[in-house]
N, C-alpha and C. Protein backbone atom coordinates (compact mmCIF):
# COMPACT_ATOMS: atom_id res chain seq x y z
N MET A 1 0.84 -1.18 0.00
CA MET A 1 0.00 0.00 0.00
C MET A 1 0.88 1.25 0.00
N MET A 2 0.47 2.26 -0.75
CA MET A 2 1.23 3.50 -0.83
C MET A 2 1.02 4.35 0.42
N THR A 3 2.05 5.08 0.79
CA THR A 3 1.93 6.03 1.89
C THR A 3 1.59 7.40 1.31
N LEU A 4 1.15 8.31 2.18
CA LEU A 4 0.86 9.67 1.73
C LEU A 4 2.11 10.32 1.13
N ASP A 5 3.26 10.07 1.74
CA ASP A 5 4.51 10.64 1.21
C ASP A 5 4.80 10.12 -0.19
N THR A 6 4.57 8.84 -0.42
CA THR A 6 4.80 8.25 -1.74
C THR A 6 3.83 8.84 -2.77
N ILE A 7 2.58 9.01 -2.37
CA ILE A 7 1.57 9.58 -3.28
C ILE A 7 1.95 11.01 -3.64
N ARG A 8 2.37 11.78 -2.63
CA ARG A 8 2.77 13.18 -2.87
C ARG A 8 3.98 13.23 -3.80
N GLU A 9 4.90 12.31 -3.60
CA GLU A 9 6.09 12.25 -4.45
C GLU A 9 5.70 11.91 -5.89
N GLU A 10 4.76 10.99 -6.05
CA GLU A 10 4.30 10.61 -7.39
C GLU A 10 3.59 11.79 -8.07
N LEU A 11 2.85 12.56 -7.30
CA LEU A 11 2.16 13.74 -7.83
C LEU A 11 3.18 14.76 -8.33
N GLY A 12 4.27 14.91 -7.57
CA GLY A 12 5.36 15.80 -7.98
C GLY A 12 4.88 17.21 -8.25
N ASP A 13 5.45 17.84 -9.25
CA ASP A 13 5.03 19.17 -9.72
C ASP A 13 4.08 18.95 -10.89
N CYS A 14 2.93 18.41 -10.58
CA CYS A 14 1.98 17.90 -11.57
C CYS A 14 1.75 18.88 -12.73
N ARG A 15 1.83 18.34 -13.95
CA ARG A 15 1.57 19.12 -15.16
C ARG A 15 0.57 18.34 -16.04
N ARG A 16 -0.25 17.50 -15.41
CA ARG A 16 -1.12 16.60 -16.17
C ARG A 16 -2.32 17.30 -16.81
N CYS A 17 -2.69 18.49 -16.29
CA CYS A 17 -3.80 19.24 -16.90
C CYS A 17 -3.45 20.72 -16.90
N GLU A 18 -4.31 21.52 -17.49
CA GLU A 18 -4.03 22.95 -17.66
C GLU A 18 -4.08 23.74 -16.35
N LEU A 19 -4.60 23.17 -15.28
CA LEU A 19 -4.65 23.90 -14.01
C LEU A 19 -3.25 24.24 -13.50
N CYS A 20 -2.24 23.50 -13.95
CA CYS A 20 -0.87 23.78 -13.53
C CYS A 20 -0.43 25.17 -13.99
N GLU A 21 -1.06 25.69 -15.04
CA GLU A 21 -0.68 26.99 -15.60
C GLU A 21 -1.16 28.15 -14.74
N THR A 22 -2.23 27.95 -13.96
CA THR A 22 -2.83 29.07 -13.21
C THR A 22 -2.71 28.91 -11.70
N ARG A 23 -2.31 27.77 -11.22
CA ARG A 23 -2.21 27.56 -9.78
C ARG A 23 -0.97 28.27 -9.22
N THR A 24 -1.00 28.52 -7.92
CA THR A 24 0.18 28.99 -7.21
C THR A 24 0.94 27.78 -6.68
N THR A 25 0.18 26.83 -6.13
CA THR A 25 0.80 25.65 -5.54
C THR A 25 -0.16 24.47 -5.61
N ILE A 26 0.36 23.29 -5.44
CA ILE A 26 -0.46 22.09 -5.33
C ILE A 26 -0.94 21.99 -3.88
N VAL A 27 -2.22 21.71 -3.72
CA VAL A 27 -2.80 21.55 -2.38
C VAL A 27 -3.12 20.07 -2.22
N PHE A 28 -2.19 19.35 -1.64
CA PHE A 28 -2.27 17.89 -1.59
C PHE A 28 -3.30 17.39 -0.58
N GLY A 29 -3.20 17.84 0.63
CA GLY A 29 -4.06 17.37 1.71
C GLY A 29 -3.29 17.54 3.01
N VAL A 30 -4.01 17.49 4.12
CA VAL A 30 -3.35 17.73 5.40
C VAL A 30 -4.13 17.03 6.51
N GLY A 31 -3.41 16.65 7.54
CA GLY A 31 -4.08 16.09 8.71
C GLY A 31 -3.42 14.82 9.20
N ASN A 32 -4.17 14.11 10.01
CA ASN A 32 -3.71 12.88 10.64
C ASN A 32 -3.69 11.75 9.60
N PRO A 33 -2.52 11.17 9.33
CA PRO A 33 -2.45 10.09 8.33
C PRO A 33 -3.12 8.80 8.78
N LYS A 34 -3.52 8.73 10.05
CA LYS A 34 -4.24 7.56 10.56
C LYS A 34 -5.66 7.95 11.01
N ALA A 35 -6.21 8.96 10.37
CA ALA A 35 -7.51 9.52 10.76
C ALA A 35 -8.65 8.51 10.60
N ASP A 36 -9.58 8.55 11.54
CA ASP A 36 -10.81 7.77 11.42
C ASP A 36 -11.79 8.44 10.45
N VAL A 37 -11.62 9.76 10.29
CA VAL A 37 -12.54 10.54 9.47
C VAL A 37 -11.73 11.33 8.44
N MET A 38 -12.13 11.18 7.17
CA MET A 38 -11.50 11.93 6.09
C MET A 38 -12.55 12.80 5.42
N PHE A 39 -12.25 14.09 5.33
CA PHE A 39 -13.13 15.05 4.66
C PHE A 39 -12.60 15.26 3.25
N ILE A 40 -13.53 15.32 2.28
CA ILE A 40 -13.14 15.51 0.89
C ILE A 40 -13.95 16.67 0.31
N GLY A 41 -13.24 17.71 -0.09
CA GLY A 41 -13.85 18.85 -0.77
C GLY A 41 -13.69 18.71 -2.27
N GLU A 42 -14.04 19.79 -2.98
CA GLU A 42 -13.97 19.70 -4.44
C GLU A 42 -12.64 20.17 -5.00
N ALA A 43 -12.18 21.37 -4.59
CA ALA A 43 -10.95 21.94 -5.15
C ALA A 43 -10.49 23.07 -4.24
N PRO A 44 -9.21 23.39 -4.28
CA PRO A 44 -8.72 24.51 -3.48
C PRO A 44 -9.33 25.83 -3.95
N GLY A 45 -9.55 26.74 -3.01
CA GLY A 45 -9.94 28.11 -3.33
C GLY A 45 -8.71 29.00 -3.30
N ARG A 46 -8.93 30.30 -3.33
CA ARG A 46 -7.82 31.26 -3.39
C ARG A 46 -6.89 31.14 -2.19
N GLN A 47 -7.45 31.13 -0.98
CA GLN A 47 -6.63 31.06 0.23
C GLN A 47 -5.85 29.74 0.28
N GLU A 48 -6.51 28.67 -0.11
CA GLU A 48 -5.87 27.36 -0.10
C GLU A 48 -4.73 27.29 -1.11
N ASP A 49 -4.95 27.90 -2.28
CA ASP A 49 -3.92 27.93 -3.31
C ASP A 49 -2.69 28.71 -2.83
N LEU A 50 -2.93 29.76 -2.08
CA LEU A 50 -1.82 30.56 -1.56
C LEU A 50 -1.13 29.88 -0.38
N GLY A 51 -1.93 29.17 0.45
CA GLY A 51 -1.39 28.57 1.67
C GLY A 51 -1.03 27.11 1.56
N ALA A 52 -1.32 26.47 0.43
CA ALA A 52 -0.98 25.07 0.18
C ALA A 52 -1.62 24.11 1.17
N GLU A 53 -2.80 24.48 1.68
CA GLU A 53 -3.50 23.62 2.63
C GLU A 53 -5.01 23.75 2.39
N PRO A 54 -5.74 22.63 2.41
CA PRO A 54 -7.19 22.70 2.17
C PRO A 54 -7.93 23.35 3.34
N PHE A 55 -8.98 24.06 3.00
CA PHE A 55 -9.91 24.62 3.98
C PHE A 55 -9.23 25.51 5.02
N ILE A 56 -8.54 26.56 4.53
CA ILE A 56 -7.95 27.52 5.46
C ILE A 56 -8.56 28.91 5.31
N GLY A 57 -9.44 29.09 4.34
CA GLY A 57 -10.13 30.37 4.16
C GLY A 57 -11.36 30.44 5.04
N ALA A 58 -12.31 31.26 4.65
CA ALA A 58 -13.55 31.44 5.43
C ALA A 58 -14.31 30.12 5.59
N ALA A 59 -14.38 29.32 4.52
CA ALA A 59 -15.07 28.02 4.61
C ALA A 59 -14.35 27.10 5.59
N GLY A 60 -13.03 27.17 5.63
CA GLY A 60 -12.26 26.36 6.57
C GLY A 60 -12.50 26.75 8.01
N LYS A 61 -12.61 28.04 8.26
CA LYS A 61 -12.92 28.50 9.62
C LYS A 61 -14.29 28.00 10.05
N HIS A 62 -15.24 28.04 9.09
CA HIS A 62 -16.58 27.52 9.40
C HIS A 62 -16.53 26.01 9.65
N LEU A 63 -15.76 25.30 8.84
CA LEU A 63 -15.60 23.85 9.04
C LEU A 63 -15.03 23.57 10.44
N ASN A 64 -14.02 24.32 10.83
CA ASN A 64 -13.42 24.12 12.16
C ASN A 64 -14.46 24.27 13.27
N SER A 65 -15.36 25.24 13.14
CA SER A 65 -16.39 25.43 14.17
C SER A 65 -17.40 24.28 14.16
N LEU A 66 -17.68 23.74 12.99
CA LEU A 66 -18.63 22.63 12.89
C LEU A 66 -18.04 21.32 13.43
N LEU A 67 -16.73 21.15 13.33
CA LEU A 67 -16.10 19.92 13.82
C LEU A 67 -16.42 19.67 15.29
N GLY A 68 -16.45 20.74 16.08
CA GLY A 68 -16.75 20.59 17.50
C GLY A 68 -18.11 19.97 17.76
N ILE A 69 -19.07 20.26 16.90
CA ILE A 69 -20.42 19.68 17.04
C ILE A 69 -20.34 18.16 16.94
N ALA A 70 -19.43 17.67 16.10
CA ALA A 70 -19.25 16.22 15.91
C ALA A 70 -18.29 15.63 16.94
N GLY A 71 -17.76 16.46 17.83
CA GLY A 71 -16.80 15.97 18.83
C GLY A 71 -15.43 15.70 18.22
N LEU A 72 -15.12 16.39 17.13
CA LEU A 72 -13.85 16.19 16.44
C LEU A 72 -13.00 17.46 16.52
N ARG A 73 -11.70 17.27 16.35
CA ARG A 73 -10.76 18.38 16.25
C ARG A 73 -10.03 18.27 14.92
N ARG A 74 -9.64 19.38 14.40
CA ARG A 74 -8.96 19.40 13.10
C ARG A 74 -7.71 18.51 13.10
N GLU A 75 -7.01 18.44 14.23
CA GLU A 75 -5.77 17.65 14.30
C GLU A 75 -6.01 16.15 14.13
N GLU A 76 -7.23 15.69 14.37
CA GLU A 76 -7.46 14.24 14.31
C GLU A 76 -8.09 13.77 13.00
N ILE A 77 -8.40 14.70 12.09
CA ILE A 77 -9.01 14.32 10.82
C ILE A 77 -7.99 14.52 9.69
N TYR A 78 -8.35 14.05 8.51
CA TYR A 78 -7.56 14.32 7.30
C TYR A 78 -8.47 15.02 6.32
N ILE A 79 -7.94 16.02 5.62
CA ILE A 79 -8.73 16.78 4.65
C ILE A 79 -7.99 16.81 3.32
N ALA A 80 -8.72 16.50 2.26
CA ALA A 80 -8.18 16.58 0.90
C ALA A 80 -9.28 17.08 -0.03
N ASN A 81 -8.93 17.28 -1.27
CA ASN A 81 -9.89 17.68 -2.29
C ASN A 81 -9.82 16.72 -3.47
N VAL A 82 -10.88 16.71 -4.27
CA VAL A 82 -10.86 15.92 -5.49
C VAL A 82 -9.77 16.46 -6.41
N LEU A 83 -9.73 17.78 -6.60
CA LEU A 83 -8.67 18.41 -7.39
C LEU A 83 -7.59 18.93 -6.46
N LYS A 84 -6.36 18.86 -6.90
CA LYS A 84 -5.23 19.33 -6.09
C LYS A 84 -4.80 20.74 -6.48
N CYS A 85 -5.38 21.30 -7.53
CA CYS A 85 -5.04 22.65 -7.97
C CYS A 85 -6.31 23.49 -8.10
N ARG A 86 -6.17 24.78 -7.86
CA ARG A 86 -7.32 25.69 -7.91
C ARG A 86 -7.74 25.97 -9.35
N PRO A 87 -9.03 25.75 -9.65
CA PRO A 87 -9.53 26.18 -10.96
C PRO A 87 -9.58 27.70 -11.00
N PRO A 88 -9.31 28.31 -12.16
CA PRO A 88 -9.34 29.77 -12.26
C PRO A 88 -10.68 30.34 -11.80
N ASN A 89 -10.60 31.41 -11.02
CA ASN A 89 -11.80 32.10 -10.51
C ASN A 89 -12.73 31.18 -9.73
N ASN A 90 -12.18 30.11 -9.16
CA ASN A 90 -12.97 29.15 -8.38
C ASN A 90 -14.11 28.53 -9.17
N ARG A 91 -13.93 28.40 -10.48
CA ARG A 91 -14.97 27.77 -11.29
C ARG A 91 -15.10 26.30 -10.90
N ASP A 92 -16.20 25.68 -11.32
CA ASP A 92 -16.42 24.26 -11.03
C ASP A 92 -15.34 23.41 -11.71
N PRO A 93 -14.97 22.30 -11.08
CA PRO A 93 -14.03 21.38 -11.72
C PRO A 93 -14.63 20.81 -13.00
N LEU A 94 -13.78 20.65 -14.01
CA LEU A 94 -14.21 20.04 -15.27
C LEU A 94 -14.10 18.52 -15.15
N PRO A 95 -14.97 17.78 -15.85
CA PRO A 95 -14.88 16.31 -15.80
C PRO A 95 -13.49 15.79 -16.15
N SER A 96 -12.83 16.41 -17.13
CA SER A 96 -11.50 15.94 -17.52
C SER A 96 -10.49 16.16 -16.38
N GLU A 97 -10.63 17.26 -15.64
CA GLU A 97 -9.73 17.53 -14.51
C GLU A 97 -9.95 16.52 -13.39
N ILE A 98 -11.20 16.20 -13.13
CA ILE A 98 -11.52 15.21 -12.10
C ILE A 98 -10.93 13.85 -12.49
N GLU A 99 -11.09 13.50 -13.75
CA GLU A 99 -10.57 12.21 -14.23
C GLU A 99 -9.05 12.12 -14.07
N ILE A 100 -8.36 13.19 -14.38
CA ILE A 100 -6.90 13.21 -14.30
C ILE A 100 -6.41 13.19 -12.85
N CYS A 101 -7.10 13.91 -11.98
CA CYS A 101 -6.62 14.10 -10.60
C CYS A 101 -7.13 13.03 -9.63
N SER A 102 -8.25 12.42 -9.93
CA SER A 102 -8.89 11.51 -8.97
C SER A 102 -8.06 10.30 -8.55
N PRO A 103 -7.15 9.76 -9.36
CA PRO A 103 -6.35 8.64 -8.86
C PRO A 103 -5.55 8.99 -7.60
N PHE A 104 -5.13 10.24 -7.49
CA PHE A 104 -4.38 10.65 -6.30
C PHE A 104 -5.28 10.64 -5.07
N LEU A 105 -6.53 11.10 -5.23
CA LEU A 105 -7.48 11.06 -4.12
C LEU A 105 -7.78 9.61 -3.73
N ARG A 106 -7.99 8.75 -4.72
CA ARG A 106 -8.25 7.34 -4.41
C ARG A 106 -7.09 6.74 -3.60
N ASP A 107 -5.87 7.06 -4.00
CA ASP A 107 -4.71 6.56 -3.27
C ASP A 107 -4.65 7.13 -1.86
N GLN A 108 -5.02 8.40 -1.70
CA GLN A 108 -5.05 9.00 -0.36
C GLN A 108 -6.06 8.28 0.53
N VAL A 109 -7.23 8.00 -0.01
CA VAL A 109 -8.26 7.29 0.76
C VAL A 109 -7.75 5.91 1.18
N ARG A 110 -7.12 5.20 0.25
CA ARG A 110 -6.57 3.88 0.58
C ARG A 110 -5.47 3.98 1.64
N ALA A 111 -4.61 4.97 1.53
CA ALA A 111 -3.50 5.12 2.48
C ALA A 111 -4.01 5.45 3.89
N ILE A 112 -5.02 6.30 3.98
CA ILE A 112 -5.55 6.69 5.29
C ILE A 112 -6.48 5.61 5.83
N ASN A 113 -7.26 5.02 4.95
CA ASN A 113 -8.19 3.95 5.32
C ASN A 113 -9.11 4.36 6.47
N PRO A 114 -9.83 5.48 6.31
CA PRO A 114 -10.67 5.98 7.40
C PRO A 114 -11.92 5.12 7.61
N LEU A 115 -12.54 5.29 8.75
CA LEU A 115 -13.81 4.63 9.01
C LEU A 115 -14.95 5.35 8.31
N VAL A 116 -14.82 6.68 8.19
CA VAL A 116 -15.89 7.52 7.62
C VAL A 116 -15.29 8.49 6.62
N LEU A 117 -15.94 8.59 5.47
CA LEU A 117 -15.63 9.63 4.49
C LEU A 117 -16.74 10.67 4.54
N VAL A 118 -16.36 11.93 4.69
CA VAL A 118 -17.32 13.03 4.66
C VAL A 118 -17.09 13.79 3.37
N THR A 119 -18.07 13.79 2.49
CA THR A 119 -17.95 14.51 1.24
C THR A 119 -18.59 15.88 1.42
N LEU A 120 -17.84 16.92 1.09
CA LEU A 120 -18.30 18.29 1.27
C LEU A 120 -18.68 18.88 -0.08
N GLY A 121 -19.98 18.95 -0.33
CA GLY A 121 -20.46 19.55 -1.57
C GLY A 121 -20.73 18.55 -2.68
N ARG A 122 -21.22 19.10 -3.76
CA ARG A 122 -21.71 18.30 -4.88
C ARG A 122 -20.64 17.47 -5.57
N PHE A 123 -19.51 18.08 -5.91
CA PHE A 123 -18.53 17.37 -6.74
C PHE A 123 -17.90 16.20 -6.02
N SER A 124 -17.51 16.39 -4.78
CA SER A 124 -16.90 15.27 -4.06
C SER A 124 -17.94 14.18 -3.78
N THR A 125 -19.16 14.59 -3.46
CA THR A 125 -20.22 13.61 -3.19
C THR A 125 -20.51 12.79 -4.44
N GLN A 126 -20.69 13.45 -5.57
CA GLN A 126 -21.01 12.72 -6.79
C GLN A 126 -19.84 11.83 -7.23
N PHE A 127 -18.62 12.29 -7.00
CA PHE A 127 -17.46 11.47 -7.36
C PHE A 127 -17.38 10.22 -6.48
N ILE A 128 -17.44 10.39 -5.17
CA ILE A 128 -17.27 9.27 -4.24
C ILE A 128 -18.43 8.28 -4.37
N LEU A 129 -19.65 8.78 -4.50
CA LEU A 129 -20.81 7.88 -4.57
C LEU A 129 -21.14 7.44 -5.99
N LYS A 130 -20.37 7.94 -6.96
CA LYS A 130 -20.59 7.57 -8.37
C LYS A 130 -22.06 7.76 -8.76
N THR A 131 -22.54 8.99 -8.60
CA THR A 131 -23.93 9.31 -8.87
C THR A 131 -24.03 10.69 -9.50
N ASP A 132 -25.17 10.96 -10.12
CA ASP A 132 -25.47 12.30 -10.61
C ASP A 132 -26.49 13.00 -9.72
N VAL A 133 -26.94 12.32 -8.68
CA VAL A 133 -27.93 12.88 -7.76
C VAL A 133 -27.29 14.06 -7.03
N GLY A 134 -28.06 15.11 -6.82
CA GLY A 134 -27.55 16.31 -6.16
C GLY A 134 -27.36 16.12 -4.66
N ILE A 135 -26.52 16.96 -4.09
CA ILE A 135 -26.19 16.89 -2.67
C ILE A 135 -27.43 17.07 -1.78
N SER A 136 -28.37 17.90 -2.18
CA SER A 136 -29.57 18.13 -1.36
C SER A 136 -30.36 16.85 -1.14
N ASN A 137 -30.31 15.95 -2.11
CA ASN A 137 -31.04 14.69 -2.00
C ASN A 137 -30.23 13.58 -1.34
N LEU A 138 -28.95 13.81 -1.12
CA LEU A 138 -28.08 12.78 -0.55
C LEU A 138 -27.66 13.07 0.90
N ARG A 139 -27.62 14.34 1.27
CA ARG A 139 -27.15 14.72 2.60
C ARG A 139 -28.15 14.25 3.67
N GLY A 140 -27.63 14.15 4.89
CA GLY A 140 -28.49 13.76 6.00
C GLY A 140 -28.66 12.27 6.17
N ARG A 141 -28.02 11.48 5.31
CA ARG A 141 -28.10 10.02 5.39
C ARG A 141 -26.72 9.43 5.16
N VAL A 142 -26.48 8.31 5.78
CA VAL A 142 -25.22 7.60 5.60
C VAL A 142 -25.35 6.67 4.39
N HIS A 143 -24.37 6.71 3.53
CA HIS A 143 -24.32 5.85 2.34
C HIS A 143 -23.10 4.95 2.49
N MET A 144 -23.12 3.83 1.81
CA MET A 144 -21.96 2.93 1.82
C MET A 144 -21.38 2.86 0.42
N THR A 145 -20.07 2.90 0.36
CA THR A 145 -19.37 2.62 -0.88
C THR A 145 -18.18 1.75 -0.49
N GLY A 146 -18.21 0.52 -0.95
CA GLY A 146 -17.23 -0.44 -0.48
C GLY A 146 -17.39 -0.62 1.02
N ARG A 147 -16.29 -0.56 1.77
CA ARG A 147 -16.38 -0.70 3.23
C ARG A 147 -16.54 0.64 3.94
N PHE A 148 -16.61 1.73 3.14
CA PHE A 148 -16.64 3.06 3.73
C PHE A 148 -18.05 3.56 3.98
N SER A 149 -18.27 4.09 5.17
CA SER A 149 -19.47 4.86 5.46
C SER A 149 -19.22 6.26 4.91
N VAL A 150 -20.13 6.74 4.09
CA VAL A 150 -19.98 8.06 3.46
C VAL A 150 -21.13 8.96 3.92
N LEU A 151 -20.77 10.13 4.43
CA LEU A 151 -21.77 11.10 4.85
C LEU A 151 -21.61 12.37 4.01
N PRO A 152 -22.52 12.58 3.07
CA PRO A 152 -22.48 13.82 2.29
C PRO A 152 -23.01 14.99 3.13
N ILE A 153 -22.29 16.11 3.07
CA ILE A 153 -22.67 17.32 3.79
C ILE A 153 -22.46 18.49 2.83
N TYR A 154 -23.30 19.51 2.96
CA TYR A 154 -23.08 20.71 2.16
C TYR A 154 -21.66 21.23 2.38
N HIS A 155 -21.11 21.85 1.37
CA HIS A 155 -19.80 22.48 1.50
C HIS A 155 -19.92 23.61 2.53
N PRO A 156 -18.93 23.77 3.41
CA PRO A 156 -19.02 24.83 4.43
C PRO A 156 -19.26 26.22 3.85
N ALA A 157 -18.79 26.47 2.63
CA ALA A 157 -19.03 27.77 2.01
C ALA A 157 -20.52 27.99 1.74
N ALA A 158 -21.28 26.92 1.55
CA ALA A 158 -22.71 27.05 1.25
C ALA A 158 -23.44 27.78 2.37
N ALA A 159 -23.08 27.49 3.62
CA ALA A 159 -23.73 28.14 4.75
C ALA A 159 -23.31 29.61 4.87
N LEU A 160 -22.15 29.94 4.34
CA LEU A 160 -21.72 31.34 4.36
C LEU A 160 -22.55 32.17 3.40
N TYR A 161 -22.95 31.56 2.28
CA TYR A 161 -23.74 32.26 1.27
C TYR A 161 -25.24 32.11 1.50
N ASP A 162 -25.65 31.04 2.17
CA ASP A 162 -27.07 30.76 2.43
C ASP A 162 -27.23 30.38 3.90
N PRO A 163 -27.51 31.37 4.75
CA PRO A 163 -27.60 31.12 6.20
C PRO A 163 -28.63 30.05 6.58
N GLN A 164 -29.61 29.78 5.72
CA GLN A 164 -30.60 28.75 6.02
C GLN A 164 -29.98 27.36 6.05
N LYS A 165 -28.82 27.21 5.44
CA LYS A 165 -28.14 25.90 5.46
C LYS A 165 -27.41 25.66 6.78
N GLY A 166 -27.20 26.70 7.56
CA GLY A 166 -26.47 26.58 8.82
C GLY A 166 -27.05 25.52 9.75
N PRO A 167 -28.34 25.61 10.11
CA PRO A 167 -28.92 24.60 11.01
C PRO A 167 -28.90 23.19 10.41
N VAL A 168 -29.04 23.09 9.10
CA VAL A 168 -28.99 21.79 8.41
C VAL A 168 -27.59 21.19 8.57
N MET A 169 -26.58 22.02 8.39
CA MET A 169 -25.20 21.54 8.52
C MET A 169 -24.90 21.13 9.96
N GLU A 170 -25.40 21.90 10.91
CA GLU A 170 -25.19 21.54 12.31
C GLU A 170 -25.80 20.17 12.62
N LYS A 171 -26.98 19.93 12.08
CA LYS A 171 -27.64 18.63 12.27
C LYS A 171 -26.81 17.51 11.62
N ASP A 172 -26.25 17.78 10.43
CA ASP A 172 -25.42 16.78 9.76
C ASP A 172 -24.15 16.50 10.55
N PHE A 173 -23.58 17.51 11.19
CA PHE A 173 -22.38 17.27 12.00
C PHE A 173 -22.71 16.52 13.28
N GLU A 174 -23.92 16.70 13.80
CA GLU A 174 -24.36 15.87 14.93
C GLU A 174 -24.45 14.41 14.48
N LEU A 175 -25.01 14.19 13.29
CA LEU A 175 -25.09 12.84 12.72
C LEU A 175 -23.69 12.27 12.52
N LEU A 176 -22.76 13.10 12.06
CA LEU A 176 -21.38 12.66 11.88
C LEU A 176 -20.79 12.19 13.21
N GLY A 177 -21.00 12.95 14.27
CA GLY A 177 -20.49 12.55 15.59
C GLY A 177 -21.01 11.20 16.01
N ALA A 178 -22.31 10.97 15.81
CA ALA A 178 -22.92 9.68 16.16
C ALA A 178 -22.37 8.56 15.28
N LEU A 179 -22.18 8.83 14.00
CA LEU A 179 -21.66 7.83 13.07
C LEU A 179 -20.22 7.45 13.44
N VAL A 180 -19.40 8.43 13.73
CA VAL A 180 -18.01 8.15 14.10
C VAL A 180 -17.97 7.31 15.38
N ALA A 181 -18.78 7.67 16.37
CA ALA A 181 -18.83 6.89 17.62
C ALA A 181 -19.25 5.45 17.35
N LYS A 182 -20.25 5.28 16.49
CA LYS A 182 -20.74 3.93 16.16
C LYS A 182 -19.65 3.12 15.45
N ARG A 183 -18.99 3.72 14.46
CA ARG A 183 -17.96 3.00 13.70
C ARG A 183 -16.76 2.66 14.60
N ARG A 184 -16.38 3.59 15.48
CA ARG A 184 -15.26 3.31 16.38
C ARG A 184 -15.61 2.16 17.30
N LYS A 185 -16.84 2.11 17.77
CA LYS A 185 -17.28 1.02 18.65
C LYS A 185 -17.24 -0.31 17.90
N GLU A 186 -17.70 -0.30 16.63
CA GLU A 186 -17.68 -1.52 15.81
C GLU A 186 -16.26 -2.07 15.64
N TYR A 187 -15.30 -1.16 15.58
CA TYR A 187 -13.91 -1.56 15.38
C TYR A 187 -13.12 -1.63 16.67
N GLY A 188 -13.81 -1.49 17.81
CA GLY A 188 -13.16 -1.59 19.10
C GLY A 188 -12.19 -0.47 19.38
N LEU A 189 -12.48 0.71 18.83
CA LEU A 189 -11.64 1.88 19.05
C LEU A 189 -12.32 2.83 20.01
N LYS A 190 -11.53 3.71 20.62
CA LYS A 190 -12.17 4.68 21.51
C LYS A 190 -12.40 6.00 20.84
């Protein structure tokens, strides 16, 4: 099995798609390499592109506050994105970009081997669950893909733009806390 260091080394100074022309840096992923919970977003934003770390802008601050609802801390989770480079002007990822970049995410998931995958937003949810169904119809329920429990949740930025999503996200993070506790118990972990 590949390690995160090996995957990052294989990614190198990636030039596999045109995003390499407009990015500042590759945003590989960050967190506990033995995390029980892995969060997956869609792509780095401006702050992430500058800081080389996922979820460090306003959406990241909101994510950090939501983690407490689930009884989690940022230090104990792992966070990555489907794309490792920022699309220009934060546009949606293109299918070709997802296809090129997704093997690295798959390898990250295998290397971390979490109990729970949390997909943040439409693109990561549709990629992980291999569906075209929208996030609104998938969130709030646990899905299985292989041995992974998958919990789709709105992207933290969604609540910043639509305050009505705030209580919904809080409820989803409560569900996440219960799911993590259940999975840890199943595996005899604390």
